[in-house]
Amino acid sequence: MSIRLLHPSIQSGLNKGDSKHAGGVLTCKCLDRPVKVKVSTGIAHNHACGCTKCWKPEGAAFSVVAVAPSEAVSVTENGDKLAVVDPSALIQRHACKECGTHMYGPVERDHAFKGLSFIHPELFDSGDWPEPGFAAFVSSAIEGGVDPSEMDGIRAKLREVGLEPYDCLSPALMDFLATWAAKKSGVLQ
């Protein structure tokens, strides 16, 4: 049985990136007037994501997505081509109206991730960005059209390339979200 394409950057294993990667320029897939977004700092929490909201390359079951502080993310060229995909979503994904590539997605509402922007590191102008550390929302790939019978093979392939599959975020991020909620409600100080 062949394994569905996870994502081009992880299918054959993780490319050991530079943990001190200082950002760079993200470029959409347009050949004419591409959108360019500068990320002026390193990224964090890079992971493969199976949710149906994240932008994925053609044929991929997963996206690769990370976060950067929103104040370090700025549109530098052709911002007139951007539109928010879903204004009601927590992550305000700004996508190119021509090629559909999601360029950045800030979280602006009251949430543990407020002040962060989600980006797709494969769009960087260099390939030395930090490798993904886990796979999130793996079961959600079914909602994107993956046959449920493929899931055992997909989870095995994710582990084979070095990504632990979760059906939520990583335990550390889930703890962060729960801590934020507990502090907000007053249960924790």
C-alpha atoms as a PDB file:
ATOM      1  CA  MET A   1       0.000   0.000   0.000  1.00  0.00           C
ATOM      2  CA  SER A   2       1.404   3.393  -0.907  1.00  0.00           C
ATOM      3  CA  ILE A   3       1.382   6.124   1.700  1.00  0.00           C
ATOM      4  CA  ARG A   4      -0.434   9.345   0.840  1.00  0.00           C
ATOM      5  CA  LEU A   5       1.777  12.409   0.487  1.00  0.00           C
ATOM      6  CA  LEU A   6       2.108  13.847   3.974  1.00  0.00           C
ATOM      7  CA  HIS A   7       3.777  17.099   2.828  1.00  0.00           C
ATOM      8  CA  PRO A   8       6.646  17.560   0.361  1.00  0.00           C
ATOM      9  CA  SER A   9       9.025  18.852   3.055  1.00  0.00           C
ATOM     10  CA  ILE A  10       8.536  15.871   5.403  1.00  0.00           C
ATOM     11  CA  GLN A  11       7.610  12.917   3.182  1.00  0.00           C
ATOM     12  CA  SER A  12      11.147  11.519   3.015  1.00  0.00           C
ATOM     13  CA  GLY A  13      12.228  12.596   6.503  1.00  0.00           C
ATOM     14  CA  LEU A  14      12.882  15.815   8.341  1.00  0.00           C
ATOM     15  CA  ASN A  15      15.507  18.203   7.050  1.00  0.00           C
ATOM     16  CA  LYS A  16      17.427  19.247  10.157  1.00  0.00           C
ATOM     17  CA  GLY A  17      16.969  22.982  10.143  1.00  0.00           C
ATOM     18  CA  ASP A  18      18.688  25.760  12.009  1.00  0.00           C
ATOM     19  CA  SER A  19      17.184  26.278  15.476  1.00  0.00           C
ATOM     20  CA  LYS A  20      18.627  29.819  15.376  1.00  0.00           C
ATOM     21  CA  HIS A  21      16.899  30.625  12.055  1.00  0.00           C
ATOM     22  CA  ALA A  22      16.207  34.358  12.234  1.00  0.00           C
ATOM     23  CA  GLY A  23      13.253  34.567   9.857  1.00  0.00           C
ATOM     24  CA  GLY A  24      13.211  35.712   6.268  1.00  0.00           C
ATOM     25  CA  VAL A  25      10.789  36.453   3.469  1.00  0.00           C
ATOM     26  CA  LEU A  26       7.725  34.333   2.702  1.00  0.00           C
ATOM     27  CA  THR A  27       6.626  34.379  -0.954  1.00  0.00           C
ATOM     28  CA  CYS A  28       3.313  33.227  -2.408  1.00  0.00           C
ATOM     29  CA  LYS A  29       3.152  30.930  -5.458  1.00  0.00           C
ATOM     30  CA  CYS A  30       2.293  33.633  -8.023  1.00  0.00           C
ATOM     31  CA  LEU A  31       4.737  34.150 -10.861  1.00  0.00           C
ATOM     32  CA  ASP A  32       3.442  37.686 -11.461  1.00  0.00           C
ATOM     33  CA  ARG A  33       3.564  40.169  -8.575  1.00  0.00           C
ATOM     34  CA  PRO A  34       3.995  37.605  -5.764  1.00  0.00           C
ATOM     35  CA  VAL A  35       2.960  38.601  -2.260  1.00  0.00           C
ATOM     36  CA  LYS A  36       5.960  38.894   0.058  1.00  0.00           C
ATOM     37  CA  VAL A  37       5.787  38.842   3.835  1.00  0.00           C
ATOM     38  CA  LYS A  38       8.808  39.524   6.029  1.00  0.00           C
ATOM     39  CA  VAL A  39       9.231  37.575   9.275  1.00  0.00           C
ATOM     40  CA  SER A  40      11.950  39.386  11.234  1.00  0.00           C
ATOM     41  CA  THR A  41      12.452  36.809  13.980  1.00  0.00           C
ATOM     42  CA  GLY A  42      12.705  33.084  14.499  1.00  0.00           C
ATOM     43  CA  ILE A  43       9.669  30.801  14.424  1.00  0.00           C
ATOM     44  CA  ALA A  44       8.293  28.482  17.110  1.00  0.00           C
ATOM     45  CA  HIS A  45       6.089  25.400  17.417  1.00  0.00           C
ATOM     46  CA  ASN A  46       6.664  24.279  13.845  1.00  0.00           C
ATOM     47  CA  HIS A  47       4.480  21.236  13.162  1.00  0.00           C
ATOM     48  CA  ALA A  48       2.595  19.254  10.563  1.00  0.00           C
ATOM     49  CA  CYS A  49      -1.148  19.964  10.762  1.00  0.00           C
ATOM     50  CA  GLY A  50      -3.995  17.860   9.428  1.00  0.00           C
ATOM     51  CA  CYS A  51      -6.776  20.393  10.007  1.00  0.00           C
ATOM     52  CA  THR A  52      -8.928  21.507   7.093  1.00  0.00           C
ATOM     53  CA  LYS A  53      -8.297  25.231   7.650  1.00  0.00           C
ATOM     54  CA  CYS A  54      -4.539  25.298   7.021  1.00  0.00           C
ATOM     55  CA  TRP A  55      -3.169  25.810   3.497  1.00  0.00           C
ATOM     56  CA  LYS A  56      -1.548  22.706   2.034  1.00  0.00           C
ATOM     57  CA  PRO A  57       0.482  22.159  -1.126  1.00  0.00           C
ATOM     58  CA  GLU A  58      -1.380  20.326  -3.899  1.00  0.00           C
ATOM     59  CA  GLY A  59      -1.909  16.654  -2.995  1.00  0.00           C
ATOM     60  CA  ALA A  60      -0.630  16.940   0.593  1.00  0.00           C
ATOM     61  CA  ALA A  61      -2.655  15.640   3.540  1.00  0.00           C
ATOM     62  CA  PHE A  62      -0.867  17.992   5.973  1.00  0.00           C
ATOM     63  CA  SER A  63       0.334  21.551   6.107  1.00  0.00           C
ATOM     64  CA  VAL A  64       3.532  22.590   7.832  1.00  0.00           C
ATOM     65  CA  VAL A  65       2.848  25.571  10.061  1.00  0.00           C
ATOM     66  CA  ALA A  66       4.643  27.549  12.763  1.00  0.00           C
ATOM     67  CA  VAL A  67       4.138  30.784  14.687  1.00  0.00           C
ATOM     68  CA  ALA A  68       5.995  34.066  15.035  1.00  0.00           C
ATOM     69  CA  PRO A  69       5.141  37.167  17.069  1.00  0.00           C
ATOM     70  CA  SER A  70       2.696  39.244  15.014  1.00  0.00           C
ATOM     71  CA  GLU A  71       4.758  42.401  15.492  1.00  0.00           C
ATOM     72  CA  ALA A  72       7.603  40.649  13.620  1.00  0.00           C
ATOM     73  CA  VAL A  73       5.408  39.864  10.577  1.00  0.00           C
ATOM     74  CA  SER A  74       4.859  42.489   7.883  1.00  0.00           C
ATOM     75  CA  VAL A  75       3.658  42.533   4.295  1.00  0.00           C
ATOM     76  CA  THR A  76       6.391  44.007   2.117  1.00  0.00           C
ATOM     77  CA  GLU A  77       5.087  43.516  -1.438  1.00  0.00           C
ATOM     78  CA  ASN A  78       1.715  43.228  -3.162  1.00  0.00           C
ATOM     79  CA  GLY A  79      -0.457  43.275  -0.056  1.00  0.00           C
ATOM     80  CA  ASP A  80      -3.334  44.396  -2.280  1.00  0.00           C
ATOM     81  CA  LYS A  81      -3.603  40.740  -3.368  1.00  0.00           C
ATOM     82  CA  LEU A  82      -4.381  39.523   0.179  1.00  0.00           C
ATOM     83  CA  ALA A  83      -7.782  38.747   1.679  1.00  0.00           C
ATOM     84  CA  VAL A  84      -8.836  37.096   4.948  1.00  0.00           C
ATOM     85  CA  VAL A  85     -10.114  33.587   4.218  1.00  0.00           C
ATOM     86  CA  ASP A  86     -12.650  33.403   7.083  1.00  0.00           C
ATOM     87  CA  PRO A  87     -13.244  36.593   9.118  1.00  0.00           C
ATOM     88  CA  SER A  88     -15.038  34.585  11.848  1.00  0.00           C
ATOM     89  CA  ALA A  89     -12.066  32.240  12.470  1.00  0.00           C
ATOM     90  CA  LEU A  90      -9.686  32.618  15.403  1.00  0.00           C
ATOM     91  CA  ILE A  91      -6.708  32.616  13.046  1.00  0.00           C
ATOM     92  CA  GLN A  92      -7.200  35.423  10.518  1.00  0.00           C
ATOM     93  CA  ARG A  93      -5.545  33.652   7.579  1.00  0.00           C
ATOM     94  CA  HIS A  94      -4.470  36.168   4.942  1.00  0.00           C
ATOM     95  CA  ALA A  95      -4.295  34.402   1.571  1.00  0.00           C
ATOM     96  CA  CYS A  96      -3.311  35.531  -1.889  1.00  0.00           C
ATOM     97  CA  LYS A  97      -6.503  36.050  -3.887  1.00  0.00           C
ATOM     98  CA  GLU A  98      -4.796  34.764  -7.054  1.00  0.00           C
ATOM     99  CA  CYS A  99      -2.850  31.621  -6.065  1.00  0.00           C
ATOM    100  CA  GLY A 100      -4.632  30.841  -2.782  1.00  0.00           C
ATOM    101  CA  THR A 101      -1.455  30.568  -0.710  1.00  0.00           C
ATOM    102  CA  HIS A 102      -1.967  31.435   2.972  1.00  0.00           C
ATOM    103  CA  MET A 103       0.722  33.950   3.846  1.00  0.00           C
ATOM    104  CA  TYR A 104       0.152  34.690   7.534  1.00  0.00           C
ATOM    105  CA  GLY A 105      -2.615  34.362  10.073  1.00  0.00           C
ATOM    106  CA  PRO A 106      -2.609  36.571  13.153  1.00  0.00           C
ATOM    107  CA  VAL A 107      -4.610  35.782  16.277  1.00  0.00           C
ATOM    108  CA  GLU A 108      -6.163  39.051  17.415  1.00  0.00           C
ATOM    109  CA  ARG A 109      -8.968  37.913  19.732  1.00  0.00           C
ATOM    110  CA  ASP A 110      -8.616  37.216  23.444  1.00  0.00           C
ATOM    111  CA  HIS A 111      -6.907  33.824  23.335  1.00  0.00           C
ATOM    112  CA  ALA A 112      -3.721  32.157  24.569  1.00  0.00           C
ATOM    113  CA  PHE A 113      -2.273  32.624  21.064  1.00  0.00           C
ATOM    114  CA  LYS A 114      -3.156  36.332  20.834  1.00  0.00           C
ATOM    115  CA  GLY A 115      -0.213  38.241  19.414  1.00  0.00           C
ATOM    116  CA  LEU A 116       1.050  35.314  17.340  1.00  0.00           C
ATOM    117  CA  SER A 117       0.818  34.866  13.592  1.00  0.00           C
ATOM    118  CA  PHE A 118       0.689  31.448  11.948  1.00  0.00           C
ATOM    119  CA  ILE A 119       2.963  31.086   8.913  1.00  0.00           C
ATOM    120  CA  HIS A 120       4.032  28.337   6.508  1.00  0.00           C
ATOM    121  CA  PRO A 121       7.837  28.057   6.748  1.00  0.00           C
ATOM    122  CA  GLU A 122       8.214  26.265   3.392  1.00  0.00           C
ATOM    123  CA  LEU A 123       7.447  29.682   1.850  1.00  0.00           C
ATOM    124  CA  PHE A 124      10.690  31.143   3.295  1.00  0.00           C
ATOM    125  CA  ASP A 125      13.354  32.269   0.843  1.00  0.00           C
ATOM    126  CA  SER A 126      15.776  29.763   2.410  1.00  0.00           C
ATOM    127  CA  GLY A 127      15.282  26.138   3.403  1.00  0.00           C
ATOM    128  CA  ASP A 128      17.090  26.219   6.752  1.00  0.00           C
ATOM    129  CA  TRP A 129      14.023  26.910   8.899  1.00  0.00           C
ATOM    130  CA  PRO A 130      13.625  24.703  12.016  1.00  0.00           C
ATOM    131  CA  GLU A 131      12.102  21.319  11.237  1.00  0.00           C
ATOM    132  CA  PRO A 132       8.628  20.390  12.511  1.00  0.00           C
ATOM    133  CA  GLY A 133       8.508  18.894  15.997  1.00  0.00           C
ATOM    134  CA  PHE A 134       5.184  17.026  15.993  1.00  0.00           C
ATOM    135  CA  ALA A 135       2.025  16.377  13.967  1.00  0.00           C
ATOM    136  CA  ALA A 136      -1.247  17.938  15.148  1.00  0.00           C
ATOM    137  CA  PHE A 137      -4.910  17.275  14.376  1.00  0.00           C
ATOM    138  CA  VAL A 138      -3.969  14.073  12.570  1.00  0.00           C
ATOM    139  CA  SER A 139      -7.509  12.621  12.545  1.00  0.00           C
ATOM    140  CA  SER A 140      -8.772  15.843  10.989  1.00  0.00           C
ATOM    141  CA  ALA A 141      -7.089  14.775   7.743  1.00  0.00           C
ATOM    142  CA  ILE A 142     -10.136  12.494   7.322  1.00  0.00           C
ATOM    143  CA  GLU A 143     -12.324  15.626   7.170  1.00  0.00           C
ATOM    144  CA  GLY A 144     -10.063  16.795   4.338  1.00  0.00           C
ATOM    145  CA  GLY A 145     -10.754  13.658   2.284  1.00  0.00           C
ATOM    146  CA  VAL A 146      -8.276  11.069   3.582  1.00  0.00           C
ATOM    147  CA  ASP A 147      -9.847   7.608   3.734  1.00  0.00           C
ATOM    148  CA  PRO A 148     -10.017   6.415   7.367  1.00  0.00           C
ATOM    149  CA  SER A 149      -8.384   3.132   6.303  1.00  0.00           C
ATOM    150  CA  GLU A 150      -5.192   5.113   5.543  1.00  0.00           C
ATOM    151  CA  MET A 151      -4.804   6.518   9.045  1.00  0.00           C
ATOM    152  CA  ASP A 152      -2.744   3.702  10.599  1.00  0.00           C
ATOM    153  CA  GLY A 153      -0.275   3.966   7.713  1.00  0.00           C
ATOM    154  CA  ILE A 154      -0.192   7.768   7.971  1.00  0.00           C
ATOM    155  CA  ARG A 155       0.501   7.650  11.712  1.00  0.00           C
ATOM    156  CA  ALA A 156       3.231   5.053  11.119  1.00  0.00           C
ATOM    157  CA  LYS A 157       4.790   7.225   8.387  1.00  0.00           C
ATOM    158  CA  LEU A 158       4.670  10.319  10.624  1.00  0.00           C
ATOM    159  CA  ARG A 159       6.505   8.396  13.352  1.00  0.00           C
ATOM    160  CA  GLU A 160       8.958   7.020  10.792  1.00  0.00           C
ATOM    161  CA  VAL A 161       9.958  10.532   9.713  1.00  0.00           C
ATOM    162  CA  GLY A 162      10.245  11.640  13.354  1.00  0.00           C
ATOM    163  CA  LEU A 163       6.910  13.312  14.133  1.00  0.00           C
ATOM    164  CA  GLU A 164       4.732  12.137  16.992  1.00  0.00           C
ATOM    165  CA  PRO A 165       1.092  12.234  15.821  1.00  0.00           C
ATOM    166  CA  TYR A 166      -1.512  13.893  18.052  1.00  0.00           C
ATOM    167  CA  ASP A 167      -5.220  14.474  17.511  1.00  0.00           C
ATOM    168  CA  CYS A 168      -4.862  17.885  19.139  1.00  0.00           C
ATOM    169  CA  LEU A 169      -1.731  19.991  19.647  1.00  0.00           C
ATOM    170  CA  SER A 170       1.405  18.737  21.407  1.00  0.00           C
ATOM    171  CA  PRO A 171       1.080  18.105  25.172  1.00  0.00           C
ATOM    172  CA  ALA A 172       3.202  21.202  25.916  1.00  0.00           C
ATOM    173  CA  LEU A 173       0.910  23.442  23.831  1.00  0.00           C
ATOM    174  CA  MET A 174      -2.224  21.847  25.300  1.00  0.00           C
ATOM    175  CA  ASP A 175      -0.812  22.553  28.803  1.00  0.00           C
ATOM    176  CA  PHE A 176      -0.141  26.158  27.744  1.00  0.00           C
ATOM    177  CA  LEU A 177      -3.735  26.574  26.530  1.00  0.00           C
ATOM    178  CA  ALA A 178      -5.164  24.997  29.697  1.00  0.00           C
ATOM    179  CA  THR A 179      -2.950  27.171  31.921  1.00  0.00           C
ATOM    180  CA  TRP A 180      -4.082  30.317  30.079  1.00  0.00           C
ATOM    181  CA  ALA A 181      -7.739  29.283  30.514  1.00  0.00           C
ATOM    182  CA  ALA A 182      -7.229  28.466  34.211  1.00  0.00           C
ATOM    183  CA  LYS A 183      -5.585  31.837  34.854  1.00  0.00           C
ATOM    184  CA  LYS A 184      -8.287  33.666  32.922  1.00  0.00           C
ATOM    185  CA  SER A 185     -11.007  31.981  34.988  1.00  0.00           C
ATOM    186  CA  GLY A 186      -9.165  32.635  38.245  1.00  0.00           C
ATOM    187  CA  VAL A 187      -8.570  28.968  39.100  1.00  0.00           C
ATOM    188  CA  LEU A 188      -4.802  29.626  38.885  1.00  0.00           C
ATOM    189  CA  GLN A 189      -2.920  32.810  39.683  1.00  0.00           C
END
